[in-house]
Amino acid sequence: KAYDPSVYNIETIEVDWIVGNVYILQSSNHEIIIREETDIEIEDKFRMHYKLEDNTLDIKFAKSCNLLEYKYKIKNLYIFLPSQINEITINNVSSDISINYVNIKDLEINNVSGDIVIEDATIDELQINNVSGEIIILDDEINSVEIDTTSGDLGMSFLKMPHELNISSTSANITLYILNTDIVSIEFETISGKIESNLQYTKNEDTYIFNGKLDDNYEVETVSGSLVINKK
């Protein structure tokens, strides 16, 4: 299905997906395109269902029904975006999520066990609520990052360092790669985790300062997870 955003004035995309993969990519034309791929031929009630209402494009894994009949075969969802979308919300169970080369104002991902990869994207506000899936953020421009993860490890490398970074973890290990010239100070609170780095830093109570500036905009809190900060 294709939508011309100038005609339909789409501001928000909401996705509810279960198994397979979710890909959000840049479109080669001016339309928003949604498409699914399945590993078997399926009945209509198990196909992707969607509706456009009040400037929101709502995408569901399947029609409301007993999904146990479907036996959870893999389905892949592709969303192609032509330009900036105000808001995308993804509610995911076990699908892997891949987001590449797109411009999104607000992105919220609520994830159970699938892995999340965000690469070369421009995002104003990113919020991730994660249970056990791994998270990779690679070469993105993100102004504000807020991540709550239980046991899924997190790796981050930004094209431009965020203005705000707040991460909460139970047992997940967190790795941040920075340049020698990046000015970063992180307040790190943990019970049994530790901080490791191959870069020089100074310490002021719970705040670790890289390149000499004290700033409260970065906060990392873990129970047993460790924080690793290495040179990019």
C-alpha atoms as a PDB file:
ATOM      1  CA  LYS A   1       0.000   0.000   0.000  1.00  0.00           C
ATOM      2  CA  ALA A   2       1.276   3.491  -0.867  1.00  0.00           C
ATOM      3  CA  TYR A   3       0.205   6.833   0.606  1.00  0.00           C
ATOM      4  CA  ASP A   4       1.110  10.297  -0.632  1.00  0.00           C
ATOM      5  CA  PRO A   5       1.738  12.214   2.637  1.00  0.00           C
ATOM      6  CA  SER A   6       0.937  15.549   0.974  1.00  0.00           C
ATOM      7  CA  VAL A   7      -2.550  14.221   0.210  1.00  0.00           C
ATOM      8  CA  TYR A   8      -3.247  12.234   3.379  1.00  0.00           C
ATOM      9  CA  ASN A   9      -1.294  14.484   5.782  1.00  0.00           C
ATOM     10  CA  ILE A  10       0.152  11.533   7.708  1.00  0.00           C
ATOM     11  CA  GLU A  11       1.884  12.712  10.904  1.00  0.00           C
ATOM     12  CA  THR A  12       2.054   9.524  12.981  1.00  0.00           C
ATOM     13  CA  ILE A  13       2.690   5.843  12.291  1.00  0.00           C
ATOM     14  CA  GLU A  14       1.769   3.187  14.868  1.00  0.00           C
ATOM     15  CA  VAL A  15       2.972  -0.398  14.437  1.00  0.00           C
ATOM     16  CA  ASP A  16       1.996  -3.537  16.385  1.00  0.00           C
ATOM     17  CA  TRP A  17       4.087  -6.516  15.275  1.00  0.00           C
ATOM     18  CA  ILE A  18       4.770  -9.980  16.688  1.00  0.00           C
ATOM     19  CA  VAL A  19       7.343 -12.111  14.832  1.00  0.00           C
ATOM     20  CA  GLY A  20       9.644 -11.618  11.871  1.00  0.00           C
ATOM     21  CA  ASN A  21      11.409  -8.359  11.102  1.00  0.00           C
ATOM     22  CA  VAL A  22      10.407  -4.711  10.906  1.00  0.00           C
ATOM     23  CA  TYR A  23      12.358  -2.539   8.462  1.00  0.00           C
ATOM     24  CA  ILE A  24      11.989   1.241   8.306  1.00  0.00           C
ATOM     25  CA  LEU A  25      13.836   2.677   5.321  1.00  0.00           C
ATOM     26  CA  GLN A  26      14.070   5.762   3.155  1.00  0.00           C
ATOM     27  CA  SER A  27      11.699   5.778   0.199  1.00  0.00           C
ATOM     28  CA  SER A  28      12.974   6.371  -3.310  1.00  0.00           C
ATOM     29  CA  ASN A  29       9.899   8.438  -4.210  1.00  0.00           C
ATOM     30  CA  HIS A  30       7.489  10.822  -2.471  1.00  0.00           C
ATOM     31  CA  GLU A  31       5.180   8.134  -1.047  1.00  0.00           C
ATOM     32  CA  ILE A  32       4.922   6.269   2.238  1.00  0.00           C
ATOM     33  CA  ILE A  33       4.923   2.600   1.277  1.00  0.00           C
ATOM     34  CA  ILE A  34       4.021  -0.327   3.552  1.00  0.00           C
ATOM     35  CA  ARG A  35       4.572  -3.925   2.491  1.00  0.00           C
ATOM     36  CA  GLU A  36       4.763  -7.336   4.133  1.00  0.00           C
ATOM     37  CA  GLU A  37       6.523 -10.533   3.104  1.00  0.00           C
ATOM     38  CA  THR A  38       5.482 -13.953   4.378  1.00  0.00           C
ATOM     39  CA  ASP A  39       7.209 -17.318   4.332  1.00  0.00           C
ATOM     40  CA  ILE A  40       3.986 -19.165   3.490  1.00  0.00           C
ATOM     41  CA  GLU A  41       0.724 -18.361   1.724  1.00  0.00           C
ATOM     42  CA  ILE A  42      -1.689 -17.110   4.382  1.00  0.00           C
ATOM     43  CA  GLU A  43      -5.360 -16.297   4.741  1.00  0.00           C
ATOM     44  CA  ASP A  44      -6.535 -12.707   4.675  1.00  0.00           C
ATOM     45  CA  LYS A  45      -7.292 -12.661   8.415  1.00  0.00           C
ATOM     46  CA  PHE A  46      -3.614 -13.340   9.120  1.00  0.00           C
ATOM     47  CA  ARG A  47      -2.305 -10.682   6.739  1.00  0.00           C
ATOM     48  CA  MET A  48      -1.148  -7.243   7.782  1.00  0.00           C
ATOM     49  CA  HIS A  49      -4.110  -4.953   8.457  1.00  0.00           C
ATOM     50  CA  TYR A  50      -3.910  -1.175   8.409  1.00  0.00           C
ATOM     51  CA  LYS A  51      -6.073   1.914   8.552  1.00  0.00           C
ATOM     52  CA  LEU A  52      -5.586   5.655   8.218  1.00  0.00           C
ATOM     53  CA  GLU A  53      -7.500   7.771  10.690  1.00  0.00           C
ATOM     54  CA  ASP A  54      -6.929  11.298  12.063  1.00  0.00           C
ATOM     55  CA  ASN A  55      -3.506  11.653  10.395  1.00  0.00           C
ATOM     56  CA  THR A  56      -2.350   8.353  11.932  1.00  0.00           C
ATOM     57  CA  LEU A  57      -1.408   5.280   9.913  1.00  0.00           C
ATOM     58  CA  ASP A  58      -2.102   2.256  12.146  1.00  0.00           C
ATOM     59  CA  ILE A  59      -0.419  -1.027  11.105  1.00  0.00           C
ATOM     60  CA  LYS A  60      -1.295  -4.354  12.758  1.00  0.00           C
ATOM     61  CA  PHE A  61       0.381  -7.763  12.454  1.00  0.00           C
ATOM     62  CA  ALA A  62      -2.965  -9.352  11.546  1.00  0.00           C
ATOM     63  CA  LYS A  63      -6.700  -8.918  11.870  1.00  0.00           C
ATOM     64  CA  SER A  64      -8.067  -9.423  15.366  1.00  0.00           C
ATOM     65  CA  CYS A  65      -8.368 -13.185  15.660  1.00  0.00           C
ATOM     66  CA  ASN A  66      -6.924 -16.228  17.372  1.00  0.00           C
ATOM     67  CA  LEU A  67      -3.282 -15.896  16.303  1.00  0.00           C
ATOM     68  CA  LEU A  68      -2.463 -19.357  17.612  1.00  0.00           C
ATOM     69  CA  GLU A  69      -4.091 -20.638  14.430  1.00  0.00           C
ATOM     70  CA  TYR A  70      -1.325 -18.897  12.501  1.00  0.00           C
ATOM     71  CA  LYS A  71       1.375 -20.797  14.428  1.00  0.00           C
ATOM     72  CA  TYR A  72       3.518 -17.642  14.437  1.00  0.00           C
ATOM     73  CA  LYS A  73       5.159 -18.005  11.057  1.00  0.00           C
ATOM     74  CA  ILE A  74       7.617 -15.274  10.195  1.00  0.00           C
ATOM     75  CA  LYS A  75       6.314 -12.106   8.554  1.00  0.00           C
ATOM     76  CA  ASN A  76       8.470  -9.139   7.545  1.00  0.00           C
ATOM     77  CA  LEU A  77       7.143  -5.588   7.499  1.00  0.00           C
ATOM     78  CA  TYR A  78       8.703  -2.874   5.308  1.00  0.00           C
ATOM     79  CA  ILE A  79       7.916   0.814   5.796  1.00  0.00           C
ATOM     80  CA  PHE A  80       9.449   3.288   3.335  1.00  0.00           C
ATOM     81  CA  LEU A  81       9.431   6.953   4.387  1.00  0.00           C
ATOM     82  CA  PRO A  82       9.952   9.821   1.914  1.00  0.00           C
ATOM     83  CA  SER A  83      10.576  12.601   4.444  1.00  0.00           C
ATOM     84  CA  GLN A  84      10.339  13.449   8.117  1.00  0.00           C
ATOM     85  CA  ILE A  85       7.484  11.864  10.032  1.00  0.00           C
ATOM     86  CA  ASN A  86       6.439  13.506  13.298  1.00  0.00           C
ATOM     87  CA  GLU A  87       6.045  10.312  15.303  1.00  0.00           C
ATOM     88  CA  ILE A  88       6.494   6.552  14.951  1.00  0.00           C
ATOM     89  CA  THR A  89       5.521   4.107  17.710  1.00  0.00           C
ATOM     90  CA  ILE A  90       6.490   0.432  17.400  1.00  0.00           C
ATOM     91  CA  ASN A  91       5.082  -2.165  19.808  1.00  0.00           C
ATOM     92  CA  ASN A  92       7.050  -5.344  19.206  1.00  0.00           C
ATOM     93  CA  VAL A  93       7.158  -8.855  20.684  1.00  0.00           C
ATOM     94  CA  SER A  94       9.988 -10.863  19.120  1.00  0.00           C
ATOM     95  CA  SER A  95      10.623  -9.272  15.726  1.00  0.00           C
ATOM     96  CA  ASP A  96      13.980  -7.722  14.927  1.00  0.00           C
ATOM     97  CA  ILE A  97      13.722  -4.010  14.135  1.00  0.00           C
ATOM     98  CA  SER A  98      15.976  -2.256  11.621  1.00  0.00           C
ATOM     99  CA  ILE A  99      15.783   1.508  11.010  1.00  0.00           C
ATOM    100  CA  ASN A 100      18.076   3.060   8.386  1.00  0.00           C
ATOM    101  CA  TYR A 101      18.604   6.443   6.687  1.00  0.00           C
ATOM    102  CA  VAL A 102      15.347   8.067   7.819  1.00  0.00           C
ATOM    103  CA  ASN A 103      14.314  11.354   9.441  1.00  0.00           C
ATOM    104  CA  ILE A 104      11.907  10.989  12.366  1.00  0.00           C
ATOM    105  CA  LYS A 105      10.945  13.607  14.919  1.00  0.00           C
ATOM    106  CA  ASP A 106       9.872  11.257  17.745  1.00  0.00           C
ATOM    107  CA  LEU A 107      10.538   7.502  17.737  1.00  0.00           C
ATOM    108  CA  GLU A 108       9.210   5.222  20.494  1.00  0.00           C
ATOM    109  CA  ILE A 109       9.952   1.480  20.549  1.00  0.00           C
ATOM    110  CA  ASN A 110       8.383  -0.873  23.097  1.00  0.00           C
ATOM    111  CA  ASN A 111      10.233  -4.162  22.682  1.00  0.00           C
ATOM    112  CA  VAL A 112      10.240  -7.582  24.353  1.00  0.00           C
ATOM    113  CA  SER A 113      12.913  -9.840  22.843  1.00  0.00           C
ATOM    114  CA  GLY A 114      13.746  -8.712  19.312  1.00  0.00           C
ATOM    115  CA  ASP A 115      17.014  -6.949  18.493  1.00  0.00           C
ATOM    116  CA  ILE A 116      16.960  -3.261  17.529  1.00  0.00           C
ATOM    117  CA  VAL A 117      19.385  -1.624  15.090  1.00  0.00           C
ATOM    118  CA  ILE A 118      19.160   2.102  14.298  1.00  0.00           C
ATOM    119  CA  GLU A 119      21.722   3.281  11.748  1.00  0.00           C
ATOM    120  CA  ASP A 120      22.380   6.577   9.937  1.00  0.00           C
ATOM    121  CA  ALA A 121      19.069   8.050  11.105  1.00  0.00           C
ATOM    122  CA  THR A 122      18.173  11.580  12.167  1.00  0.00           C
ATOM    123  CA  ILE A 123      15.886  11.605  15.210  1.00  0.00           C
ATOM    124  CA  ASP A 124      14.858  14.401  17.549  1.00  0.00           C
ATOM    125  CA  GLU A 125      13.658  12.248  20.470  1.00  0.00           C
ATOM    126  CA  LEU A 126      14.290   8.501  20.843  1.00  0.00           C
ATOM    127  CA  GLN A 127      12.606   6.438  23.555  1.00  0.00           C
ATOM    128  CA  ILE A 128      13.137   2.675  23.900  1.00  0.00           C
ATOM    129  CA  ASN A 129      11.541   0.395  26.494  1.00  0.00           C
ATOM    130  CA  ASN A 130      13.281  -2.962  26.153  1.00  0.00           C
ATOM    131  CA  VAL A 131      13.303  -6.317  27.945  1.00  0.00           C
ATOM    132  CA  SER A 132      15.923  -8.676  26.516  1.00  0.00           C
ATOM    133  CA  GLY A 133      16.693  -7.686  22.927  1.00  0.00           C
ATOM    134  CA  GLU A 134      20.074  -6.194  22.062  1.00  0.00           C
ATOM    135  CA  ILE A 135      20.173  -2.550  20.943  1.00  0.00           C
ATOM    136  CA  ILE A 136      22.672  -1.058  18.491  1.00  0.00           C
ATOM    137  CA  ILE A 137      22.690   2.669  17.711  1.00  0.00           C
ATOM    138  CA  LEU A 138      25.232   3.406  14.983  1.00  0.00           C
ATOM    139  CA  ASP A 139      26.270   6.730  13.396  1.00  0.00           C
ATOM    140  CA  ASP A 140      22.981   8.507  14.117  1.00  0.00           C
ATOM    141  CA  GLU A 141      22.136  12.127  14.873  1.00  0.00           C
ATOM    142  CA  ILE A 142      19.801  12.018  17.870  1.00  0.00           C
ATOM    143  CA  ASN A 143      19.072  15.005  20.074  1.00  0.00           C
ATOM    144  CA  SER A 144      17.555  13.177  23.063  1.00  0.00           C
ATOM    145  CA  VAL A 145      17.976   9.487  23.998  1.00  0.00           C
ATOM    146  CA  GLU A 146      16.004   7.704  26.729  1.00  0.00           C
ATOM    147  CA  ILE A 147      16.422   3.926  27.069  1.00  0.00           C
ATOM    148  CA  ASP A 148      15.087   1.548  29.720  1.00  0.00           C
ATOM    149  CA  THR A 149      16.411  -1.995  29.245  1.00  0.00           C
ATOM    150  CA  THR A 150      16.317  -5.042  31.497  1.00  0.00           C
ATOM    151  CA  SER A 151      18.893  -7.499  30.187  1.00  0.00           C
ATOM    152  CA  GLY A 152      19.457  -6.568  26.545  1.00  0.00           C
ATOM    153  CA  ASP A 153      22.963  -5.179  26.005  1.00  0.00           C
ATOM    154  CA  LEU A 154      23.310  -1.741  24.404  1.00  0.00           C
ATOM    155  CA  GLY A 155      25.986  -0.397  22.039  1.00  0.00           C
ATOM    156  CA  MET A 156      26.064   3.246  20.872  1.00  0.00           C
ATOM    157  CA  SER A 157      28.161   5.302  18.465  1.00  0.00           C
ATOM    158  CA  PHE A 158      26.807   8.672  17.377  1.00  0.00           C
ATOM    159  CA  LEU A 159      27.609  10.813  14.374  1.00  0.00           C
ATOM    160  CA  LYS A 160      26.929  13.774  16.666  1.00  0.00           C
ATOM    161  CA  MET A 161      26.681  13.347  20.429  1.00  0.00           C
ATOM    162  CA  PRO A 162      23.128  13.787  21.831  1.00  0.00           C
ATOM    163  CA  HIS A 163      22.165  16.762  23.945  1.00  0.00           C
ATOM    164  CA  GLU A 164      20.533  14.428  26.492  1.00  0.00           C
ATOM    165  CA  LEU A 165      21.198  10.763  27.281  1.00  0.00           C
ATOM    166  CA  ASN A 166      19.341   8.820  29.982  1.00  0.00           C
ATOM    167  CA  ILE A 167      19.765   5.047  30.302  1.00  0.00           C
ATOM    168  CA  SER A 168      18.389   2.693  32.939  1.00  0.00           C
ATOM    169  CA  SER A 169      19.380  -0.980  33.050  1.00  0.00           C
ATOM    170  CA  THR A 170      19.082  -3.989  35.321  1.00  0.00           C
ATOM    171  CA  SER A 171      21.774  -6.366  34.068  1.00  0.00           C
ATOM    172  CA  ALA A 172      22.458  -5.083  30.562  1.00  0.00           C
ATOM    173  CA  ASN A 173      25.986  -3.971  29.723  1.00  0.00           C
ATOM    174  CA  ILE A 174      26.226  -0.574  28.023  1.00  0.00           C
ATOM    175  CA  THR A 175      28.974   0.430  25.588  1.00  0.00           C
ATOM    176  CA  LEU A 176      29.469   3.970  24.278  1.00  0.00           C
ATOM    177  CA  TYR A 177      32.062   4.860  21.639  1.00  0.00           C
ATOM    178  CA  ILE A 178      33.257   8.478  21.514  1.00  0.00           C
ATOM    179  CA  LEU A 179      35.911  10.533  19.739  1.00  0.00           C
ATOM    180  CA  ASN A 180      38.898  12.030  21.545  1.00  0.00           C
ATOM    181  CA  THR A 181      37.331  15.444  20.914  1.00  0.00           C
ATOM    182  CA  ASP A 182      33.848  14.613  22.249  1.00  0.00           C
ATOM    183  CA  ILE A 183      33.038  16.444  25.477  1.00  0.00           C
ATOM    184  CA  VAL A 184      31.139  13.944  27.611  1.00  0.00           C
ATOM    185  CA  SER A 185      30.326  13.688  31.293  1.00  0.00           C
ATOM    186  CA  ILE A 186      28.216  10.821  32.581  1.00  0.00           C
ATOM    187  CA  GLU A 187      26.660  10.378  35.984  1.00  0.00           C
ATOM    188  CA  PHE A 188      26.907   6.617  36.534  1.00  0.00           C
ATOM    189  CA  GLU A 189      25.050   4.995  39.426  1.00  0.00           C
ATOM    190  CA  THR A 190      25.264   1.223  39.967  1.00  0.00           C
ATOM    191  CA  ILE A 191      25.054  -1.414  42.678  1.00  0.00           C
ATOM    192  CA  SER A 192      27.515  -4.010  41.423  1.00  0.00           C
ATOM    193  CA  GLY A 193      28.424  -2.856  37.910  1.00  0.00           C
ATOM    194  CA  LYS A 194      31.640  -1.066  37.003  1.00  0.00           C
ATOM    195  CA  ILE A 195      32.966   1.437  34.490  1.00  0.00           C
ATOM    196  CA  GLU A 196      35.711   0.635  32.004  1.00  0.00           C
ATOM    197  CA  SER A 197      37.409   2.894  29.448  1.00  0.00           C
ATOM    198  CA  ASN A 198      40.494   3.084  27.255  1.00  0.00           C
ATOM    199  CA  LEU A 199      40.230   6.894  27.375  1.00  0.00           C
ATOM    200  CA  GLN A 200      41.457   9.324  30.007  1.00  0.00           C
ATOM    201  CA  TYR A 201      38.836  10.745  32.350  1.00  0.00           C
ATOM    202  CA  THR A 202      38.436  12.507  35.667  1.00  0.00           C
ATOM    203  CA  LYS A 203      35.912  11.640  38.370  1.00  0.00           C
ATOM    204  CA  ASN A 204      33.715  13.914  40.454  1.00  0.00           C
ATOM    205  CA  GLU A 205      31.674  11.753  42.864  1.00  0.00           C
ATOM    206  CA  ASP A 206      29.486   9.612  40.552  1.00  0.00           C
ATOM    207  CA  THR A 207      30.244  11.664  37.442  1.00  0.00           C
ATOM    208  CA  TYR A 208      32.906  10.578  34.947  1.00  0.00           C
ATOM    209  CA  ILE A 209      34.244  13.459  32.854  1.00  0.00           C
ATOM    210  CA  PHE A 210      35.877  13.064  29.455  1.00  0.00           C
ATOM    211  CA  ASN A 211      37.698  16.061  27.974  1.00  0.00           C
ATOM    212  CA  GLY A 212      37.223  18.342  30.910  1.00  0.00           C
ATOM    213  CA  LYS A 213      33.616  19.535  31.112  1.00  0.00           C
ATOM    214  CA  LEU A 214      31.114  18.790  33.858  1.00  0.00           C
ATOM    215  CA  ASP A 215      27.593  18.405  32.477  1.00  0.00           C
ATOM    216  CA  ASP A 216      24.530  16.701  33.960  1.00  0.00           C
ATOM    217  CA  ASN A 217      22.832  15.830  30.667  1.00  0.00           C
ATOM    218  CA  TYR A 218      24.084  12.213  30.548  1.00  0.00           C
ATOM    219  CA  GLU A 219      22.852   9.753  33.164  1.00  0.00           C
ATOM    220  CA  VAL A 220      23.311   5.968  33.304  1.00  0.00           C
ATOM    221  CA  GLU A 221      21.831   3.825  36.075  1.00  0.00           C
ATOM    222  CA  THR A 222      22.290   0.052  36.415  1.00  0.00           C
ATOM    223  CA  VAL A 223      21.879  -2.676  39.013  1.00  0.00           C
ATOM    224  CA  SER A 224      24.598  -5.095  37.867  1.00  0.00           C
ATOM    225  CA  GLY A 225      25.331  -3.949  34.318  1.00  0.00           C
ATOM    226  CA  SER A 226      28.647  -2.320  33.492  1.00  0.00           C
ATOM    227  CA  LEU A 227      29.390   0.825  31.466  1.00  0.00           C
ATOM    228  CA  VAL A 228      32.171   0.754  28.888  1.00  0.00           C
ATOM    229  CA  ILE A 229      33.353   3.946  27.198  1.00  0.00           C
ATOM    230  CA  ASN A 230      35.919   3.446  24.448  1.00  0.00           C
ATOM    231  CA  LYS A 231      37.504   5.401  21.627  1.00  0.00           C
ATOM    232  CA  LYS A 232      35.610   5.389  18.369  1.00  0.00           C
END
